Amino acid sequence: MTAAAPVPRRSLRLQAGIDWVIGVDEAGRGPLAGPVCAAAYALPATGLRIAGVVDSKLIAEPERERLYEELTAVRGALWSATVTSAQRIDEINILQATMESMQISAHDVMRQCPPAAKAAVLIDGNRVPDNMELPAECIIKGDGKEYSIAAASIIAKVTRDRLMRQYHEQYPAYGFERHKGYGTAAHMAAIAQHGACPIHRMTFKPLRVD
């Protein structure tokens, strides 16, 4: 079954005079290991929209990889990906680490915009990071409603998956290339046998020691 294209959705507050809409999404809030990644993506009004760009969760891994390469190669596209480590997650908690990553990516793309351009940020979810330097709003399930957010979701997911495959080379006992750090039965069995490794999130249950 082919996934439907995102339905264009733009609030009245963000319509008037906006040259660049910066979509922001994240990947990896729930796993027991590895970083959380956020990405931001923007195109000018006349920029090329690629067919098949939808919520990354609806796309098979090989197709996500292909779309990542196409999205990042589009002429005029602005994008950024931010990786926040498990250690930083443990330091400030997963919510704050996610917000921090989103803010960094959005501001990085903002600084790539032409100096006179008027930009705004659309963020997937129900919360806007603090200290945003641009008008911003959150959209629940925005990766199914806004092209720029869907594009960001693909870039964030592929960035994180590639890192988890690299971590598998460092820590092959855990199977990170398969489950990407999520708490599958195989992953839990590996933790029980080998203990935690340096990329595990020690503040997450069942790793956390109360």
N, C-alpha and C. Protein backbone atom coordinates (compact mmCIF):
# COMPACT_ATOMS: atom_id res chain seq x y z
N MET A 1 0.85 -1.19 0.00
CA MET A 1 0.00 0.00 0.00
C MET A 1 0.88 1.24 0.00
N THR A 2 0.61 2.17 -0.92
CA THR A 2 1.41 3.39 -1.03
C THR A 2 0.92 4.42 -0.04
N ALA A 3 1.85 5.01 0.72
CA ALA A 3 1.47 6.02 1.70
C ALA A 3 1.01 7.29 1.00
N ALA A 4 0.01 7.93 1.54
CA ALA A 4 -0.50 9.16 0.97
C ALA A 4 0.50 10.29 1.19
N ALA A 5 0.53 11.23 0.25
CA ALA A 5 1.42 12.39 0.39
C ALA A 5 0.91 13.28 1.50
N PRO A 6 1.82 14.01 2.19
CA PRO A 6 1.38 14.89 3.26
C PRO A 6 0.38 15.93 2.75
N VAL A 7 -0.63 16.20 3.54
CA VAL A 7 -1.61 17.22 3.19
C VAL A 7 -1.04 18.57 3.57
N PRO A 8 -0.95 19.54 2.62
CA PRO A 8 -0.43 20.86 2.99
C PRO A 8 -1.25 21.47 4.13
N ARG A 9 -0.55 21.98 5.12
CA ARG A 9 -1.23 22.57 6.27
C ARG A 9 -0.39 23.70 6.80
N ARG A 10 -0.94 24.87 6.88
CA ARG A 10 -0.18 26.01 7.34
C ARG A 10 -1.11 26.92 8.14
N SER A 11 -0.80 27.25 9.35
CA SER A 11 -1.67 28.11 10.14
C SER A 11 -1.67 29.51 9.56
N LEU A 12 -2.74 30.24 9.83
CA LEU A 12 -2.84 31.61 9.34
C LEU A 12 -1.69 32.45 9.87
N ARG A 13 -1.28 32.16 11.10
CA ARG A 13 -0.20 32.95 11.71
C ARG A 13 1.10 32.82 10.93
N LEU A 14 1.30 31.68 10.26
CA LEU A 14 2.55 31.46 9.55
C LEU A 14 2.43 31.66 8.04
N GLN A 15 1.27 32.07 7.55
CA GLN A 15 1.12 32.22 6.11
C GLN A 15 1.68 33.53 5.57
N ALA A 16 1.35 34.63 6.18
CA ALA A 16 1.61 35.92 5.58
C ALA A 16 3.09 36.24 5.51
N GLY A 17 3.59 36.39 4.30
CA GLY A 17 4.94 36.88 4.09
C GLY A 17 6.06 35.93 4.42
N ILE A 18 5.77 34.66 4.63
CA ILE A 18 6.82 33.70 4.99
C ILE A 18 7.49 33.19 3.72
N ASP A 19 8.82 33.36 3.63
CA ASP A 19 9.58 32.88 2.47
C ASP A 19 10.06 31.45 2.67
N TRP A 20 10.39 31.10 3.89
CA TRP A 20 10.94 29.78 4.19
C TRP A 20 10.19 29.17 5.37
N VAL A 21 9.69 27.98 5.19
CA VAL A 21 9.10 27.22 6.29
C VAL A 21 10.07 26.12 6.66
N ILE A 22 10.57 26.16 7.87
CA ILE A 22 11.56 25.19 8.35
C ILE A 22 10.84 24.10 9.13
N GLY A 23 10.85 22.90 8.61
CA GLY A 23 10.25 21.76 9.30
C GLY A 23 11.26 21.09 10.21
N VAL A 24 10.81 20.66 11.39
CA VAL A 24 11.71 20.04 12.37
C VAL A 24 11.08 18.77 12.92
N ASP A 25 11.88 17.72 13.02
CA ASP A 25 11.42 16.48 13.63
C ASP A 25 12.60 15.78 14.28
N GLU A 26 12.30 14.72 15.03
CA GLU A 26 13.35 13.99 15.74
C GLU A 26 13.20 12.49 15.53
N ALA A 27 14.24 11.77 15.90
CA ALA A 27 14.22 10.30 15.87
C ALA A 27 15.00 9.80 17.06
N GLY A 28 14.45 8.77 17.74
CA GLY A 28 15.20 8.12 18.79
C GLY A 28 14.91 8.57 20.20
N ARG A 29 13.69 9.00 20.48
CA ARG A 29 13.38 9.36 21.87
C ARG A 29 13.23 8.12 22.76
N GLY A 30 12.74 7.02 22.21
CA GLY A 30 12.39 5.88 23.03
C GLY A 30 13.43 4.82 23.28
N PRO A 31 14.48 4.70 22.48
CA PRO A 31 15.43 3.60 22.67
C PRO A 31 16.17 3.64 24.01
N LEU A 32 16.72 2.48 24.37
CA LEU A 32 17.54 2.37 25.58
C LEU A 32 18.99 2.73 25.33
N ALA A 33 19.37 2.86 24.06
CA ALA A 33 20.77 3.12 23.73
C ALA A 33 20.86 4.04 22.53
N GLY A 34 21.99 4.75 22.46
CA GLY A 34 22.25 5.61 21.33
C GLY A 34 21.73 7.02 21.50
N PRO A 35 22.02 7.88 20.54
CA PRO A 35 21.63 9.28 20.64
C PRO A 35 20.19 9.51 20.26
N VAL A 36 19.71 10.70 20.56
CA VAL A 36 18.50 11.22 19.93
C VAL A 36 18.98 12.18 18.85
N CYS A 37 18.31 12.16 17.70
CA CYS A 37 18.70 13.00 16.58
C CYS A 37 17.53 13.88 16.17
N ALA A 38 17.82 15.12 15.85
CA ALA A 38 16.81 16.02 15.31
C ALA A 38 17.32 16.53 13.97
N ALA A 39 16.38 16.89 13.11
CA ALA A 39 16.74 17.46 11.82
C ALA A 39 15.78 18.58 11.49
N ALA A 40 16.27 19.51 10.69
CA ALA A 40 15.45 20.60 10.17
C ALA A 40 15.66 20.66 8.66
N TYR A 41 14.59 21.01 7.95
CA TYR A 41 14.65 21.03 6.48
C TYR A 41 13.78 22.16 5.96
N ALA A 42 14.28 22.87 4.97
CA ALA A 42 13.52 23.96 4.37
C ALA A 42 13.82 24.07 2.89
N LEU A 43 12.81 24.50 2.15
CA LEU A 43 12.93 24.77 0.73
C LEU A 43 12.33 26.14 0.42
N PRO A 44 12.86 26.82 -0.62
CA PRO A 44 12.15 28.00 -1.09
C PRO A 44 10.82 27.59 -1.71
N ALA A 45 9.94 28.54 -1.89
CA ALA A 45 8.60 28.24 -2.40
C ALA A 45 8.64 27.50 -3.73
N THR A 46 9.66 27.76 -4.53
CA THR A 46 9.76 27.12 -5.84
C THR A 46 10.61 25.86 -5.82
N GLY A 47 11.03 25.42 -4.64
CA GLY A 47 11.92 24.27 -4.55
C GLY A 47 11.23 22.97 -4.95
N LEU A 48 12.04 22.02 -5.38
CA LEU A 48 11.54 20.72 -5.83
C LEU A 48 11.02 19.89 -4.67
N ARG A 49 9.78 19.42 -4.79
CA ARG A 49 9.20 18.49 -3.83
C ARG A 49 9.33 17.08 -4.39
N ILE A 50 9.91 16.18 -3.62
CA ILE A 50 10.17 14.83 -4.07
C ILE A 50 8.99 13.93 -3.72
N ALA A 51 8.56 13.14 -4.69
CA ALA A 51 7.46 12.21 -4.45
C ALA A 51 7.88 11.16 -3.42
N GLY A 52 6.93 10.78 -2.57
CA GLY A 52 7.20 9.74 -1.58
C GLY A 52 7.71 10.23 -0.26
N VAL A 53 7.86 11.54 -0.10
CA VAL A 53 8.34 12.09 1.17
C VAL A 53 7.15 12.18 2.14
N VAL A 54 7.13 11.25 3.08
CA VAL A 54 6.09 11.17 4.10
C VAL A 54 6.76 10.87 5.44
N ASP A 55 5.97 10.69 6.46
CA ASP A 55 6.47 10.31 7.78
C ASP A 55 7.45 9.14 7.64
N SER A 56 8.65 9.29 8.19
CA SER A 56 9.69 8.27 8.03
C SER A 56 9.28 6.91 8.56
N LYS A 57 8.37 6.88 9.54
CA LYS A 57 7.94 5.61 10.12
C LYS A 57 7.15 4.77 9.12
N LEU A 58 6.66 5.40 8.07
CA LEU A 58 5.87 4.69 7.06
C LEU A 58 6.71 4.19 5.89
N ILE A 59 8.02 4.40 5.96
CA ILE A 59 8.90 4.10 4.83
C ILE A 59 9.91 3.04 5.24
N ALA A 60 10.11 2.05 4.38
CA ALA A 60 11.10 1.01 4.63
C ALA A 60 12.51 1.60 4.60
N GLU A 61 13.42 0.97 5.32
CA GLU A 61 14.77 1.51 5.47
C GLU A 61 15.48 1.79 4.14
N PRO A 62 15.47 0.89 3.16
CA PRO A 62 16.15 1.21 1.89
C PRO A 62 15.56 2.43 1.20
N GLU A 63 14.24 2.59 1.27
CA GLU A 63 13.61 3.75 0.66
C GLU A 63 13.95 5.03 1.41
N ARG A 64 14.02 4.95 2.73
CA ARG A 64 14.45 6.13 3.51
C ARG A 64 15.84 6.57 3.10
N GLU A 65 16.73 5.61 2.93
CA GLU A 65 18.10 5.94 2.52
C GLU A 65 18.10 6.66 1.17
N ARG A 66 17.30 6.16 0.24
CA ARG A 66 17.24 6.78 -1.09
C ARG A 66 16.69 8.20 -1.00
N LEU A 67 15.61 8.37 -0.23
CA LEU A 67 15.01 9.68 -0.10
C LEU A 67 15.94 10.66 0.61
N TYR A 68 16.68 10.18 1.59
CA TYR A 68 17.66 11.03 2.26
C TYR A 68 18.63 11.62 1.24
N GLU A 69 19.17 10.76 0.38
CA GLU A 69 20.14 11.23 -0.61
C GLU A 69 19.50 12.25 -1.55
N GLU A 70 18.27 12.02 -1.95
CA GLU A 70 17.59 12.94 -2.85
C GLU A 70 17.27 14.27 -2.15
N LEU A 71 16.76 14.18 -0.93
CA LEU A 71 16.40 15.40 -0.21
C LEU A 71 17.60 16.31 0.03
N THR A 72 18.71 15.72 0.41
CA THR A 72 19.88 16.53 0.74
C THR A 72 20.60 17.03 -0.51
N ALA A 73 20.23 16.51 -1.68
CA ALA A 73 20.85 16.95 -2.93
C ALA A 73 19.99 17.96 -3.69
N VAL A 74 18.78 18.24 -3.22
CA VAL A 74 17.90 19.18 -3.92
C VAL A 74 18.55 20.56 -3.97
N ARG A 75 18.55 21.15 -5.14
CA ARG A 75 19.13 22.48 -5.31
C ARG A 75 18.35 23.49 -4.47
N GLY A 76 19.04 24.24 -3.65
CA GLY A 76 18.41 25.26 -2.83
C GLY A 76 17.91 24.78 -1.48
N ALA A 77 17.92 23.47 -1.24
CA ALA A 77 17.45 22.96 0.04
C ALA A 77 18.41 23.35 1.17
N LEU A 78 17.84 23.65 2.32
CA LEU A 78 18.62 23.94 3.52
C LEU A 78 18.29 22.88 4.55
N TRP A 79 19.31 22.31 5.16
CA TRP A 79 19.01 21.26 6.14
C TRP A 79 20.13 21.16 7.17
N SER A 80 19.78 20.55 8.29
CA SER A 80 20.75 20.34 9.36
C SER A 80 20.29 19.14 10.18
N ALA A 81 21.24 18.38 10.69
CA ALA A 81 20.95 17.28 11.61
C ALA A 81 21.81 17.43 12.85
N THR A 82 21.20 17.22 14.00
CA THR A 82 21.89 17.36 15.28
C THR A 82 21.82 16.06 16.05
N VAL A 83 22.95 15.61 16.55
CA VAL A 83 23.05 14.35 17.30
C VAL A 83 23.36 14.67 18.76
N THR A 84 22.51 14.18 19.65
CA THR A 84 22.71 14.40 21.08
C THR A 84 22.95 13.06 21.75
N SER A 85 24.07 12.93 22.41
CA SER A 85 24.56 11.65 22.92
C SER A 85 23.74 11.11 24.07
N ALA A 86 23.92 9.82 24.32
CA ALA A 86 23.28 9.19 25.48
C ALA A 86 23.73 9.85 26.78
N GLN A 87 24.97 10.28 26.84
CA GLN A 87 25.47 10.94 28.04
C GLN A 87 24.74 12.26 28.29
N ARG A 88 24.49 13.01 27.22
CA ARG A 88 23.76 14.27 27.36
C ARG A 88 22.31 14.00 27.75
N ILE A 89 21.73 12.96 27.18
CA ILE A 89 20.37 12.57 27.55
C ILE A 89 20.29 12.26 29.05
N ASP A 90 21.26 11.51 29.54
CA ASP A 90 21.27 11.19 30.97
C ASP A 90 21.48 12.43 31.83
N GLU A 91 22.19 13.39 31.28
CA GLU A 91 22.49 14.61 32.04
C GLU A 91 21.27 15.51 32.19
N ILE A 92 20.49 15.69 31.12
CA ILE A 92 19.41 16.69 31.17
C ILE A 92 18.02 16.09 30.95
N ASN A 93 17.90 14.81 30.68
CA ASN A 93 16.70 14.02 30.43
C ASN A 93 16.33 14.05 28.94
N ILE A 94 15.55 13.07 28.52
CA ILE A 94 15.29 12.87 27.10
C ILE A 94 14.45 14.01 26.51
N LEU A 95 13.50 14.54 27.27
CA LEU A 95 12.69 15.63 26.73
C LEU A 95 13.55 16.85 26.45
N GLN A 96 14.37 17.24 27.42
CA GLN A 96 15.20 18.42 27.23
C GLN A 96 16.26 18.19 26.15
N ALA A 97 16.78 16.98 26.07
CA ALA A 97 17.76 16.68 25.02
C ALA A 97 17.13 16.77 23.64
N THR A 98 15.88 16.30 23.52
CA THR A 98 15.18 16.39 22.25
C THR A 98 14.91 17.84 21.88
N MET A 99 14.43 18.64 22.83
CA MET A 99 14.17 20.05 22.56
C MET A 99 15.45 20.78 22.18
N GLU A 100 16.53 20.46 22.86
CA GLU A 100 17.82 21.08 22.56
C GLU A 100 18.26 20.76 21.14
N SER A 101 18.12 19.49 20.76
CA SER A 101 18.50 19.08 19.40
C SER A 101 17.66 19.77 18.35
N MET A 102 16.36 19.86 18.59
CA MET A 102 15.47 20.52 17.64
C MET A 102 15.83 22.00 17.49
N GLN A 103 16.08 22.65 18.61
CA GLN A 103 16.43 24.07 18.56
C GLN A 103 17.71 24.30 17.77
N ILE A 104 18.73 23.48 18.03
CA ILE A 104 20.00 23.64 17.33
C ILE A 104 19.82 23.47 15.83
N SER A 105 19.08 22.43 15.42
CA SER A 105 18.88 22.19 13.99
C SER A 105 18.09 23.33 13.34
N ALA A 106 17.02 23.78 14.01
CA ALA A 106 16.22 24.86 13.45
C ALA A 106 17.04 26.14 13.29
N HIS A 107 17.83 26.47 14.28
CA HIS A 107 18.63 27.69 14.21
C HIS A 107 19.74 27.56 13.18
N ASP A 108 20.27 26.37 13.01
CA ASP A 108 21.30 26.17 11.99
C ASP A 108 20.72 26.43 10.60
N VAL A 109 19.52 25.92 10.33
CA VAL A 109 18.89 26.18 9.04
C VAL A 109 18.51 27.65 8.91
N MET A 110 18.03 28.24 9.98
CA MET A 110 17.70 29.67 9.95
C MET A 110 18.89 30.49 9.50
N ARG A 111 20.06 30.16 9.99
CA ARG A 111 21.26 30.93 9.65
C ARG A 111 21.72 30.68 8.22
N GLN A 112 21.24 29.61 7.60
CA GLN A 112 21.54 29.36 6.19
C GLN A 112 20.59 30.11 5.26
N CYS A 113 19.45 30.60 5.78
CA CYS A 113 18.48 31.31 4.95
C CYS A 113 19.08 32.62 4.45
N PRO A 114 18.64 33.10 3.28
CA PRO A 114 19.10 34.41 2.80
C PRO A 114 18.84 35.49 3.84
N PRO A 115 19.71 36.48 3.94
CA PRO A 115 19.61 37.48 5.01
C PRO A 115 18.28 38.19 5.10
N ALA A 116 17.65 38.49 3.96
CA ALA A 116 16.40 39.24 3.98
C ALA A 116 15.17 38.36 4.05
N ALA A 117 15.36 37.05 4.08
CA ALA A 117 14.22 36.13 4.04
C ALA A 117 13.48 36.14 5.36
N LYS A 118 12.17 35.93 5.27
CA LYS A 118 11.34 35.78 6.46
C LYS A 118 11.04 34.30 6.64
N ALA A 119 11.41 33.75 7.78
CA ALA A 119 11.28 32.31 8.00
C ALA A 119 10.45 32.02 9.25
N ALA A 120 9.88 30.84 9.29
CA ALA A 120 9.15 30.37 10.45
C ALA A 120 9.40 28.88 10.59
N VAL A 121 9.14 28.36 11.78
CA VAL A 121 9.47 26.97 12.11
C VAL A 121 8.20 26.20 12.45
N LEU A 122 8.06 25.02 11.85
CA LEU A 122 6.98 24.09 12.19
C LEU A 122 7.61 22.84 12.78
N ILE A 123 7.18 22.47 13.98
CA ILE A 123 7.81 21.41 14.74
C ILE A 123 6.82 20.27 14.95
N ASP A 124 7.27 19.06 14.68
CA ASP A 124 6.41 17.90 14.92
C ASP A 124 6.24 17.69 16.43
N GLY A 125 4.99 17.46 16.85
CA GLY A 125 4.76 17.16 18.25
C GLY A 125 3.87 18.20 18.92
N ASN A 126 3.97 18.26 20.23
CA ASN A 126 3.08 19.13 21.01
C ASN A 126 3.82 20.16 21.84
N ARG A 127 5.08 20.42 21.47
CA ARG A 127 5.86 21.36 22.27
C ARG A 127 6.88 22.08 21.40
N VAL A 128 7.02 23.38 21.63
CA VAL A 128 8.03 24.20 20.95
C VAL A 128 9.22 24.37 21.89
N PRO A 129 10.44 24.14 21.41
CA PRO A 129 11.61 24.36 22.27
C PRO A 129 11.66 25.80 22.79
N ASP A 130 12.27 25.97 23.94
CA ASP A 130 12.45 27.31 24.50
C ASP A 130 13.45 28.10 23.67
N ASN A 131 13.34 29.42 23.76
CA ASN A 131 14.34 30.34 23.19
C ASN A 131 14.48 30.22 21.67
N MET A 132 13.37 29.92 20.99
CA MET A 132 13.41 29.93 19.54
C MET A 132 13.57 31.36 19.04
N GLU A 133 14.41 31.54 18.03
CA GLU A 133 14.68 32.87 17.50
C GLU A 133 13.75 33.24 16.36
N LEU A 134 12.84 32.35 15.99
CA LEU A 134 11.90 32.58 14.90
C LEU A 134 10.49 32.28 15.37
N PRO A 135 9.46 32.82 14.70
CA PRO A 135 8.11 32.36 14.98
C PRO A 135 8.04 30.85 14.79
N ALA A 136 7.40 30.16 15.72
CA ALA A 136 7.37 28.69 15.67
C ALA A 136 6.06 28.18 16.24
N GLU A 137 5.62 27.07 15.71
CA GLU A 137 4.47 26.38 16.27
C GLU A 137 4.67 24.88 16.15
N CYS A 138 4.03 24.15 17.03
CA CYS A 138 4.10 22.70 16.99
C CYS A 138 2.82 22.16 16.35
N ILE A 139 2.97 21.03 15.67
CA ILE A 139 1.86 20.39 14.98
C ILE A 139 1.88 18.91 15.35
N ILE A 140 0.87 18.45 16.03
CA ILE A 140 0.78 17.03 16.37
C ILE A 140 0.63 16.23 15.08
N LYS A 141 1.45 15.19 14.94
CA LYS A 141 1.52 14.38 13.73
C LYS A 141 1.83 15.23 12.51
N GLY A 142 2.68 16.23 12.72
CA GLY A 142 3.05 17.14 11.65
C GLY A 142 3.80 16.48 10.51
N ASP A 143 4.45 15.33 10.79
CA ASP A 143 5.18 14.65 9.72
C ASP A 143 4.23 14.03 8.69
N GLY A 144 2.94 14.01 8.99
CA GLY A 144 1.95 13.59 8.01
C GLY A 144 1.18 14.74 7.40
N LYS A 145 1.54 15.98 7.78
CA LYS A 145 0.78 17.14 7.33
C LYS A 145 1.62 18.18 6.59
N GLU A 146 2.91 18.22 6.87
CA GLU A 146 3.79 19.23 6.28
C GLU A 146 4.97 18.55 5.60
N TYR A 147 5.20 18.93 4.35
CA TYR A 147 6.30 18.33 3.59
C TYR A 147 7.64 18.55 4.30
N SER A 148 7.88 19.76 4.78
CA SER A 148 9.17 20.06 5.39
C SER A 148 9.42 19.24 6.65
N ILE A 149 8.35 18.98 7.42
CA ILE A 149 8.51 18.14 8.61
C ILE A 149 8.75 16.70 8.21
N ALA A 150 8.03 16.20 7.21
CA ALA A 150 8.25 14.83 6.73
C ALA A 150 9.69 14.66 6.25
N ALA A 151 10.19 15.65 5.52
CA ALA A 151 11.58 15.59 5.05
C ALA A 151 12.54 15.55 6.24
N ALA A 152 12.28 16.39 7.24
CA ALA A 152 13.13 16.39 8.44
C ALA A 152 13.08 15.05 9.16
N SER A 153 11.90 14.42 9.18
CA SER A 153 11.78 13.13 9.86
C SER A 153 12.64 12.07 9.18
N ILE A 154 12.72 12.12 7.86
CA ILE A 154 13.55 11.16 7.12
C ILE A 154 15.02 11.41 7.41
N ILE A 155 15.43 12.66 7.38
CA ILE A 155 16.85 12.97 7.62
C ILE A 155 17.24 12.59 9.05
N ALA A 156 16.40 12.88 10.02
CA ALA A 156 16.71 12.51 11.41
C ALA A 156 16.81 11.01 11.57
N LYS A 157 15.86 10.28 11.00
CA LYS A 157 15.84 8.82 11.14
C LYS A 157 17.05 8.18 10.47
N VAL A 158 17.36 8.59 9.26
CA VAL A 158 18.50 7.99 8.55
C VAL A 158 19.81 8.34 9.25
N THR A 159 19.93 9.57 9.71
CA THR A 159 21.14 9.96 10.46
C THR A 159 21.34 9.05 11.66
N ARG A 160 20.28 8.83 12.42
CA ARG A 160 20.40 8.00 13.62
C ARG A 160 20.66 6.54 13.26
N ASP A 161 19.95 6.01 12.28
CA ASP A 161 20.14 4.60 11.91
C ASP A 161 21.56 4.34 11.44
N ARG A 162 22.13 5.27 10.70
CA ARG A 162 23.52 5.10 10.25
C ARG A 162 24.46 5.07 11.44
N LEU A 163 24.22 5.93 12.40
CA LEU A 163 25.07 5.93 13.60
C LEU A 163 24.94 4.62 14.36
N MET A 164 23.71 4.09 14.46
CA MET A 164 23.53 2.84 15.20
C MET A 164 24.20 1.67 14.49
N ARG A 165 24.25 1.71 13.17
CA ARG A 165 25.00 0.66 12.46
C ARG A 165 26.50 0.79 12.74
N GLN A 166 26.98 2.02 12.87
CA GLN A 166 28.39 2.21 13.23
C GLN A 166 28.66 1.72 14.65
N TYR A 167 27.73 2.00 15.55
CA TYR A 167 27.90 1.52 16.93
C TYR A 167 27.90 0.00 16.98
N HIS A 168 27.18 -0.64 16.09
CA HIS A 168 27.21 -2.11 16.04
C HIS A 168 28.63 -2.62 15.79
N GLU A 169 29.38 -1.90 14.97
CA GLU A 169 30.77 -2.30 14.72
C GLU A 169 31.61 -2.20 15.98
N GLN A 170 31.30 -1.23 16.84
CA GLN A 170 32.04 -1.07 18.09
C GLN A 170 31.57 -2.04 19.17
N TYR A 171 30.26 -2.29 19.20
CA TYR A 171 29.68 -3.11 20.26
C TYR A 171 28.79 -4.19 19.64
N PRO A 172 29.39 -5.16 18.96
CA PRO A 172 28.60 -6.13 18.17
C PRO A 172 27.72 -7.06 19.01
N ALA A 173 27.99 -7.17 20.29
CA ALA A 173 27.22 -8.11 21.12
C ALA A 173 25.77 -7.70 21.30
N TYR A 174 25.43 -6.45 21.00
CA TYR A 174 24.09 -5.95 21.33
C TYR A 174 23.11 -5.96 20.16
N GLY A 175 23.59 -6.13 18.95
CA GLY A 175 22.69 -6.18 17.80
C GLY A 175 22.10 -4.84 17.41
N PHE A 176 22.84 -3.75 17.62
CA PHE A 176 22.30 -2.42 17.34
C PHE A 176 21.89 -2.23 15.89
N GLU A 177 22.51 -2.95 14.98
CA GLU A 177 22.16 -2.77 13.56
C GLU A 177 20.75 -3.26 13.27
N ARG A 178 20.22 -4.13 14.13
CA ARG A 178 18.86 -4.66 13.92
C ARG A 178 17.79 -3.83 14.63
N HIS A 179 17.97 -3.60 15.93
CA HIS A 179 16.90 -2.95 16.70
C HIS A 179 17.16 -1.47 16.95
N LYS A 180 18.32 -0.97 16.57
CA LYS A 180 18.67 0.46 16.68
C LYS A 180 18.58 0.98 18.11
N GLY A 181 18.74 0.09 19.08
CA GLY A 181 18.77 0.51 20.48
C GLY A 181 17.45 0.39 21.21
N TYR A 182 16.38 0.02 20.50
CA TYR A 182 15.09 -0.14 21.17
C TYR A 182 15.11 -1.39 22.06
N GLY A 183 14.18 -1.44 23.00
CA GLY A 183 14.19 -2.49 24.03
C GLY A 183 13.55 -3.79 23.57
N THR A 184 14.05 -4.36 22.51
CA THR A 184 13.54 -5.65 22.04
C THR A 184 13.99 -6.76 22.98
N ALA A 185 13.39 -7.94 22.82
CA ALA A 185 13.77 -9.08 23.65
C ALA A 185 15.25 -9.42 23.46
N ALA A 186 15.71 -9.37 22.22
CA ALA A 186 17.12 -9.68 21.95
C ALA A 186 18.05 -8.67 22.61
N HIS A 187 17.65 -7.41 22.56
CA HIS A 187 18.47 -6.37 23.18
C HIS A 187 18.50 -6.55 24.70
N MET A 188 17.36 -6.84 25.29
CA MET A 188 17.31 -7.03 26.74
C MET A 188 18.14 -8.23 27.16
N ALA A 189 18.11 -9.28 26.35
CA ALA A 189 18.92 -10.46 26.66
C ALA A 189 20.40 -10.14 26.60
N ALA A 190 20.80 -9.30 25.61
CA ALA A 190 22.20 -8.92 25.49
C ALA A 190 22.65 -8.08 26.69
N ILE A 191 21.78 -7.18 27.15
CA ILE A 191 22.12 -6.39 28.34
C ILE A 191 22.26 -7.29 29.56
N ALA A 192 21.36 -8.26 29.70
CA ALA A 192 21.43 -9.18 30.83
C ALA A 192 22.74 -9.97 30.81
N GLN A 193 23.21 -10.31 29.63
CA GLN A 193 24.42 -11.12 29.51
C GLN A 193 25.68 -10.29 29.64
N HIS A 194 25.69 -9.11 29.02
CA HIS A 194 26.94 -8.33 28.90
C HIS A 194 26.95 -7.06 29.74
N GLY A 195 25.81 -6.68 30.32
CA GLY A 195 25.74 -5.40 31.00
C GLY A 195 25.60 -4.26 30.01
N ALA A 196 25.64 -3.04 30.51
CA ALA A 196 25.49 -1.87 29.64
C ALA A 196 26.81 -1.53 28.97
N CYS A 197 26.72 -0.87 27.83
CA CYS A 197 27.91 -0.36 27.14
C CYS A 197 27.88 1.16 27.17
N PRO A 198 28.91 1.84 26.69
CA PRO A 198 28.97 3.30 26.83
C PRO A 198 27.87 4.09 26.14
N ILE A 199 27.13 3.49 25.23
CA ILE A 199 26.07 4.28 24.58
C ILE A 199 24.69 3.98 25.17
N HIS A 200 24.61 3.20 26.22
CA HIS A 200 23.31 2.97 26.85
C HIS A 200 22.92 4.19 27.69
N ARG A 201 21.61 4.41 27.76
CA ARG A 201 21.04 5.52 28.52
C ARG A 201 20.77 5.02 29.95
N MET A 202 21.64 5.38 30.84
CA MET A 202 21.59 4.80 32.18
C MET A 202 20.46 5.36 33.05
N THR A 203 19.78 6.40 32.60
CA THR A 203 18.63 6.92 33.33
C THR A 203 17.32 6.29 32.86
N PHE A 204 17.39 5.40 31.86
CA PHE A 204 16.19 4.74 31.35
C PHE A 204 15.99 3.41 32.06
N LYS A 205 14.75 3.10 32.42
CA LYS A 205 14.46 1.78 32.91
C LYS A 205 14.57 0.80 31.74
N PRO A 206 15.10 -0.41 31.96
CA PRO A 206 15.48 -1.02 33.24
C PRO A 206 16.96 -0.81 33.60
N LEU A 207 17.65 0.08 32.89
CA LEU A 207 19.05 0.32 33.18
C LEU A 207 19.26 1.16 34.43
N ARG A 208 18.31 2.01 34.72
CA ARG A 208 18.43 2.91 35.86
C ARG A 208 18.41 2.13 37.16
N VAL A 209 19.29 2.52 38.05
CA VAL A 209 19.34 1.94 39.39
C VAL A 209 18.76 2.97 40.35
N ASP A 210 17.58 2.72 40.88
CA ASP A 210 16.92 3.68 41.79
C ASP A 210 17.51 3.61 43.20
